[in-house]
Amino acid sequence: MTRITFIQPDGSEKPVEAKNGLSLMENAVNSGVIGITAECNGSLACATCHVVLPQDLFDKLGAPMSHEDDMLEFAETERQDCSRLACQVQVSPDLDGAVIRVPAG
């Protein structure tokens, strides 16, 4: 398991023991993280799993691919430099200890 802390839209912290191999979105939904609604169930057809990664993690994972980048333009919450869709980030030990922010809408 990989330990990730989500900062929910109200500023509260939600520590999650995330299962490697699942997406950040799947782990967030399974753990009841507020602000991740995942309306398209990870099919990259919405932006309801918008998260903001720490700069170092964003740099390690790389920028979003073209379709994800396009979908981020439709996010209800303001896009930031380190924005990603949680459905497109697979959990691995590289994310252990990460603090990921769910923007307020």
N, C-alpha and C. Protein backbone atom coordinates (compact mmCIF):
# COMPACT_ATOMS: atom_id res chain seq x y z
N MET A 1 0.83 -1.18 0.00
CA MET A 1 0.00 0.00 0.00
C MET A 1 0.88 1.25 0.00
N THR A 2 0.33 2.28 -0.59
CA THR A 2 1.01 3.56 -0.69
C THR A 2 0.19 4.59 0.08
N ARG A 3 0.84 5.29 0.97
CA ARG A 3 0.14 6.28 1.80
C ARG A 3 0.11 7.62 1.07
N ILE A 4 -1.11 8.13 0.85
CA ILE A 4 -1.33 9.41 0.18
C ILE A 4 -2.27 10.22 1.06
N THR A 5 -2.01 11.51 1.16
CA THR A 5 -2.90 12.40 1.89
C THR A 5 -3.57 13.33 0.88
N PHE A 6 -4.90 13.33 0.89
CA PHE A 6 -5.67 14.25 0.06
C PHE A 6 -6.07 15.43 0.93
N ILE A 7 -5.85 16.63 0.42
CA ILE A 7 -6.37 17.83 1.05
C ILE A 7 -7.70 18.11 0.36
N GLN A 8 -8.78 17.93 1.11
CA GLN A 8 -10.12 18.05 0.55
C GLN A 8 -10.48 19.53 0.36
N PRO A 9 -11.50 19.82 -0.43
CA PRO A 9 -11.85 21.21 -0.73
C PRO A 9 -12.06 22.10 0.50
N ASP A 10 -12.48 21.53 1.61
CA ASP A 10 -12.68 22.32 2.83
C ASP A 10 -11.40 22.51 3.64
N GLY A 11 -10.28 21.98 3.12
CA GLY A 11 -8.99 22.11 3.80
C GLY A 11 -8.64 20.96 4.72
N SER A 12 -9.60 20.07 4.97
CA SER A 12 -9.32 18.93 5.86
C SER A 12 -8.46 17.90 5.14
N GLU A 13 -7.69 17.18 5.92
CA GLU A 13 -6.82 16.13 5.38
C GLU A 13 -7.51 14.79 5.44
N LYS A 14 -7.33 14.00 4.39
CA LYS A 14 -7.88 12.64 4.34
C LYS A 14 -6.73 11.69 3.98
N PRO A 15 -6.11 11.05 4.99
CA PRO A 15 -5.07 10.08 4.70
C PRO A 15 -5.68 8.81 4.10
N VAL A 16 -5.02 8.27 3.09
CA VAL A 16 -5.53 7.10 2.39
C VAL A 16 -4.40 6.09 2.24
N GLU A 17 -4.70 4.85 2.55
CA GLU A 17 -3.80 3.74 2.24
C GLU A 17 -4.21 3.28 0.85
N ALA A 18 -3.53 3.79 -0.15
CA ALA A 18 -3.91 3.57 -1.55
C ALA A 18 -3.37 2.25 -2.07
N LYS A 19 -4.18 1.61 -2.87
CA LYS A 19 -3.79 0.34 -3.47
C LYS A 19 -3.03 0.61 -4.77
N ASN A 20 -1.80 0.10 -4.82
CA ASN A 20 -0.99 0.24 -6.03
C ASN A 20 -1.67 -0.44 -7.21
N GLY A 21 -1.54 0.18 -8.37
CA GLY A 21 -2.14 -0.37 -9.59
C GLY A 21 -3.49 0.22 -9.91
N LEU A 22 -4.17 0.79 -8.90
CA LEU A 22 -5.41 1.51 -9.16
C LEU A 22 -5.07 2.97 -9.41
N SER A 23 -6.01 3.71 -9.98
CA SER A 23 -5.77 5.13 -10.21
C SER A 23 -5.97 5.91 -8.91
N LEU A 24 -5.45 7.13 -8.90
CA LEU A 24 -5.72 8.01 -7.76
C LEU A 24 -7.21 8.18 -7.58
N MET A 25 -7.96 8.31 -8.68
CA MET A 25 -9.40 8.50 -8.62
C MET A 25 -10.08 7.31 -7.95
N GLU A 26 -9.73 6.09 -8.36
CA GLU A 26 -10.34 4.90 -7.77
C GLU A 26 -10.07 4.83 -6.27
N ASN A 27 -8.84 5.11 -5.89
CA ASN A 27 -8.49 5.10 -4.47
C ASN A 27 -9.23 6.19 -3.71
N ALA A 28 -9.35 7.37 -4.30
CA ALA A 28 -10.06 8.48 -3.65
C ALA A 28 -11.53 8.14 -3.46
N VAL A 29 -12.17 7.63 -4.50
CA VAL A 29 -13.60 7.28 -4.41
C VAL A 29 -13.80 6.17 -3.39
N ASN A 30 -12.96 5.15 -3.44
CA ASN A 30 -13.07 4.03 -2.49
C ASN A 30 -12.87 4.46 -1.04
N SER A 31 -12.16 5.58 -0.85
CA SER A 31 -11.85 6.06 0.50
C SER A 31 -12.73 7.23 0.93
N GLY A 32 -13.67 7.62 0.08
CA GLY A 32 -14.60 8.70 0.45
C GLY A 32 -13.99 10.08 0.46
N VAL A 33 -13.02 10.33 -0.41
CA VAL A 33 -12.43 11.67 -0.49
C VAL A 33 -13.47 12.63 -1.06
N ILE A 34 -13.71 13.71 -0.35
CA ILE A 34 -14.68 14.72 -0.78
C ILE A 34 -14.11 15.51 -1.96
N GLY A 35 -14.95 15.73 -2.97
CA GLY A 35 -14.56 16.54 -4.12
C GLY A 35 -14.15 15.73 -5.33
N ILE A 36 -14.02 14.43 -5.19
CA ILE A 36 -13.72 13.55 -6.33
C ILE A 36 -15.01 12.78 -6.62
N THR A 37 -15.75 13.25 -7.63
CA THR A 37 -17.03 12.59 -7.93
C THR A 37 -16.92 11.56 -9.04
N ALA A 38 -15.95 11.70 -9.91
CA ALA A 38 -15.67 10.69 -10.95
C ALA A 38 -16.92 10.28 -11.73
N GLU A 39 -17.61 11.27 -12.25
CA GLU A 39 -18.86 11.01 -12.95
C GLU A 39 -18.72 10.08 -14.16
N CYS A 40 -17.56 10.07 -14.80
CA CYS A 40 -17.39 9.20 -15.98
C CYS A 40 -16.71 7.88 -15.63
N ASN A 41 -16.50 7.64 -14.34
CA ASN A 41 -15.88 6.40 -13.86
C ASN A 41 -14.50 6.13 -14.45
N GLY A 42 -13.78 7.20 -14.73
CA GLY A 42 -12.41 7.04 -15.21
C GLY A 42 -12.26 6.85 -16.69
N SER A 43 -13.28 7.18 -17.47
CA SER A 43 -13.19 6.99 -18.92
C SER A 43 -12.66 8.23 -19.64
N LEU A 44 -12.17 9.19 -18.89
CA LEU A 44 -11.58 10.42 -19.44
C LEU A 44 -12.59 11.21 -20.27
N ALA A 45 -13.82 11.28 -19.74
CA ALA A 45 -14.89 11.99 -20.44
C ALA A 45 -15.43 13.15 -19.60
N CYS A 46 -14.79 13.45 -18.48
CA CYS A 46 -15.20 14.57 -17.65
C CYS A 46 -13.96 15.06 -16.91
N ALA A 47 -14.14 15.99 -16.03
CA ALA A 47 -13.01 16.50 -15.25
C ALA A 47 -13.38 16.56 -13.77
N THR A 48 -14.24 15.64 -13.34
CA THR A 48 -14.71 15.64 -11.96
C THR A 48 -13.78 14.92 -10.99
N CYS A 49 -12.59 14.62 -11.46
CA CYS A 49 -11.56 14.05 -10.57
C CYS A 49 -10.30 14.91 -10.62
N HIS A 50 -10.48 16.20 -10.89
CA HIS A 50 -9.39 17.16 -10.97
C HIS A 50 -8.65 17.24 -9.63
N VAL A 51 -7.34 17.09 -9.68
CA VAL A 51 -6.50 17.25 -8.50
C VAL A 51 -5.29 18.11 -8.87
N VAL A 52 -4.65 18.63 -7.84
CA VAL A 52 -3.42 19.40 -8.04
C VAL A 52 -2.30 18.66 -7.32
N LEU A 53 -1.30 18.27 -8.07
CA LEU A 53 -0.16 17.52 -7.53
C LEU A 53 0.91 18.47 -7.03
N PRO A 54 1.74 18.02 -6.10
CA PRO A 54 2.91 18.82 -5.73
C PRO A 54 3.84 18.91 -6.95
N GLN A 55 4.55 20.00 -7.06
CA GLN A 55 5.40 20.24 -8.24
C GLN A 55 6.36 19.09 -8.51
N ASP A 56 7.02 18.57 -7.47
CA ASP A 56 8.00 17.51 -7.69
C ASP A 56 7.35 16.25 -8.25
N LEU A 57 6.15 15.93 -7.78
CA LEU A 57 5.45 14.75 -8.29
C LEU A 57 4.97 14.99 -9.71
N PHE A 58 4.45 16.18 -9.98
CA PHE A 58 4.03 16.52 -11.34
C PHE A 58 5.21 16.38 -12.30
N ASP A 59 6.36 16.88 -11.90
CA ASP A 59 7.56 16.79 -12.75
C ASP A 59 7.95 15.34 -12.99
N LYS A 60 7.84 14.52 -11.96
CA LYS A 60 8.21 13.10 -12.07
C LYS A 60 7.25 12.35 -13.01
N LEU A 61 5.95 12.64 -12.88
CA LEU A 61 4.94 11.94 -13.70
C LEU A 61 4.83 12.51 -15.10
N GLY A 62 5.14 13.77 -15.24
CA GLY A 62 5.04 14.42 -16.54
C GLY A 62 3.70 15.11 -16.74
N ALA A 63 3.67 15.95 -17.74
CA ALA A 63 2.46 16.70 -18.06
C ALA A 63 1.38 15.77 -18.60
N PRO A 64 0.13 16.21 -18.52
CA PRO A 64 -0.95 15.38 -19.05
C PRO A 64 -0.83 15.19 -20.56
N MET A 65 -1.30 14.04 -21.01
CA MET A 65 -1.35 13.79 -22.45
C MET A 65 -2.43 14.69 -23.06
N SER A 66 -2.49 14.75 -24.34
CA SER A 66 -3.34 15.67 -25.09
C SER A 66 -4.81 15.63 -24.67
N HIS A 67 -5.42 14.44 -24.62
CA HIS A 67 -6.86 14.35 -24.31
C HIS A 67 -7.12 14.77 -22.86
N GLU A 68 -6.25 14.35 -21.95
CA GLU A 68 -6.40 14.76 -20.56
C GLU A 68 -6.25 16.28 -20.45
N ASP A 69 -5.29 16.83 -21.15
CA ASP A 69 -5.07 18.26 -21.16
C ASP A 69 -6.33 19.00 -21.64
N ASP A 70 -6.95 18.49 -22.69
CA ASP A 70 -8.20 19.08 -23.20
C ASP A 70 -9.31 19.01 -22.16
N MET A 71 -9.45 17.86 -21.47
CA MET A 71 -10.51 17.70 -20.48
C MET A 71 -10.30 18.63 -19.29
N LEU A 72 -9.07 18.90 -18.94
CA LEU A 72 -8.80 19.80 -17.82
C LEU A 72 -9.33 21.21 -18.08
N GLU A 73 -9.48 21.57 -19.33
CA GLU A 73 -10.04 22.88 -19.68
C GLU A 73 -11.51 22.97 -19.26
N PHE A 74 -12.17 21.82 -19.08
CA PHE A 74 -13.58 21.79 -18.71
C PHE A 74 -13.81 21.61 -17.21
N ALA A 75 -12.74 21.57 -16.44
CA ALA A 75 -12.86 21.38 -15.00
C ALA A 75 -13.65 22.54 -14.39
N GLU A 76 -14.54 22.21 -13.47
CA GLU A 76 -15.32 23.25 -12.78
C GLU A 76 -14.44 24.07 -11.85
N THR A 77 -13.37 23.48 -11.39
CA THR A 77 -12.44 24.18 -10.51
C THR A 77 -11.29 24.72 -11.35
N GLU A 78 -10.69 25.79 -10.90
CA GLU A 78 -9.66 26.45 -11.69
C GLU A 78 -8.43 25.57 -11.90
N ARG A 79 -8.06 25.44 -13.14
CA ARG A 79 -6.87 24.67 -13.49
C ARG A 79 -5.62 25.37 -12.99
N GLN A 80 -4.66 24.57 -12.52
CA GLN A 80 -3.40 25.10 -12.01
C GLN A 80 -2.26 24.49 -12.83
N ASP A 81 -1.05 24.98 -12.60
CA ASP A 81 0.10 24.48 -13.36
C ASP A 81 0.33 22.99 -13.16
N CYS A 82 0.01 22.47 -11.99
CA CYS A 82 0.25 21.05 -11.69
C CYS A 82 -1.04 20.24 -11.66
N SER A 83 -2.06 20.70 -12.38
CA SER A 83 -3.33 19.97 -12.42
C SER A 83 -3.21 18.69 -13.22
N ARG A 84 -3.89 17.67 -12.73
CA ARG A 84 -4.03 16.40 -13.45
C ARG A 84 -5.42 15.86 -13.15
N LEU A 85 -5.86 14.92 -13.96
CA LEU A 85 -7.07 14.18 -13.66
C LEU A 85 -6.65 12.93 -12.91
N ALA A 86 -7.25 12.71 -11.75
CA ALA A 86 -6.85 11.60 -10.89
C ALA A 86 -7.06 10.25 -11.55
N CYS A 87 -7.97 10.17 -12.51
CA CYS A 87 -8.21 8.91 -13.21
C CYS A 87 -7.03 8.52 -14.11
N GLN A 88 -6.17 9.47 -14.40
CA GLN A 88 -5.05 9.22 -15.31
C GLN A 88 -3.72 9.02 -14.60
N VAL A 89 -3.76 9.02 -13.27
CA VAL A 89 -2.53 8.83 -12.49
C VAL A 89 -2.64 7.51 -11.75
N GLN A 90 -1.78 6.58 -12.12
CA GLN A 90 -1.78 5.26 -11.49
C GLN A 90 -0.94 5.31 -10.21
N VAL A 91 -1.49 4.74 -9.15
CA VAL A 91 -0.78 4.72 -7.87
C VAL A 91 0.33 3.68 -7.93
N SER A 92 1.49 4.12 -7.46
CA SER A 92 2.66 3.25 -7.36
C SER A 92 3.44 3.70 -6.13
N PRO A 93 4.44 2.93 -5.72
CA PRO A 93 5.24 3.35 -4.56
C PRO A 93 5.88 4.73 -4.74
N ASP A 94 6.03 5.21 -5.98
CA ASP A 94 6.57 6.55 -6.23
C ASP A 94 5.71 7.64 -5.60
N LEU A 95 4.44 7.35 -5.34
CA LEU A 95 3.52 8.34 -4.78
C LEU A 95 3.47 8.29 -3.25
N ASP A 96 4.20 7.36 -2.64
CA ASP A 96 4.15 7.21 -1.19
C ASP A 96 4.53 8.52 -0.50
N GLY A 97 3.64 8.97 0.39
CA GLY A 97 3.87 10.20 1.14
C GLY A 97 3.37 11.46 0.44
N ALA A 98 2.84 11.32 -0.76
CA ALA A 98 2.37 12.50 -1.52
C ALA A 98 1.19 13.17 -0.83
N VAL A 99 1.14 14.47 -0.96
CA VAL A 99 0.01 15.27 -0.49
C VAL A 99 -0.62 15.88 -1.73
N ILE A 100 -1.85 15.50 -1.99
CA ILE A 100 -2.54 15.89 -3.23
C ILE A 100 -3.76 16.72 -2.87
N ARG A 101 -3.90 17.86 -3.53
CA ARG A 101 -4.99 18.78 -3.21
C ARG A 101 -6.15 18.61 -4.18
N VAL A 102 -7.35 18.54 -3.62
CA VAL A 102 -8.58 18.54 -4.40
C VAL A 102 -9.08 19.99 -4.37
N PRO A 103 -9.07 20.68 -5.51
CA PRO A 103 -9.45 22.09 -5.49
C PRO A 103 -10.91 22.32 -5.13
N ALA A 104 -11.17 23.44 -4.49
CA ALA A 104 -12.53 23.81 -4.14
C ALA A 104 -13.27 24.30 -5.38
N GLY A 105 -14.53 23.93 -5.51
CA GLY A 105 -15.31 24.30 -6.68
C GLY A 105 -16.23 25.43 -6.48
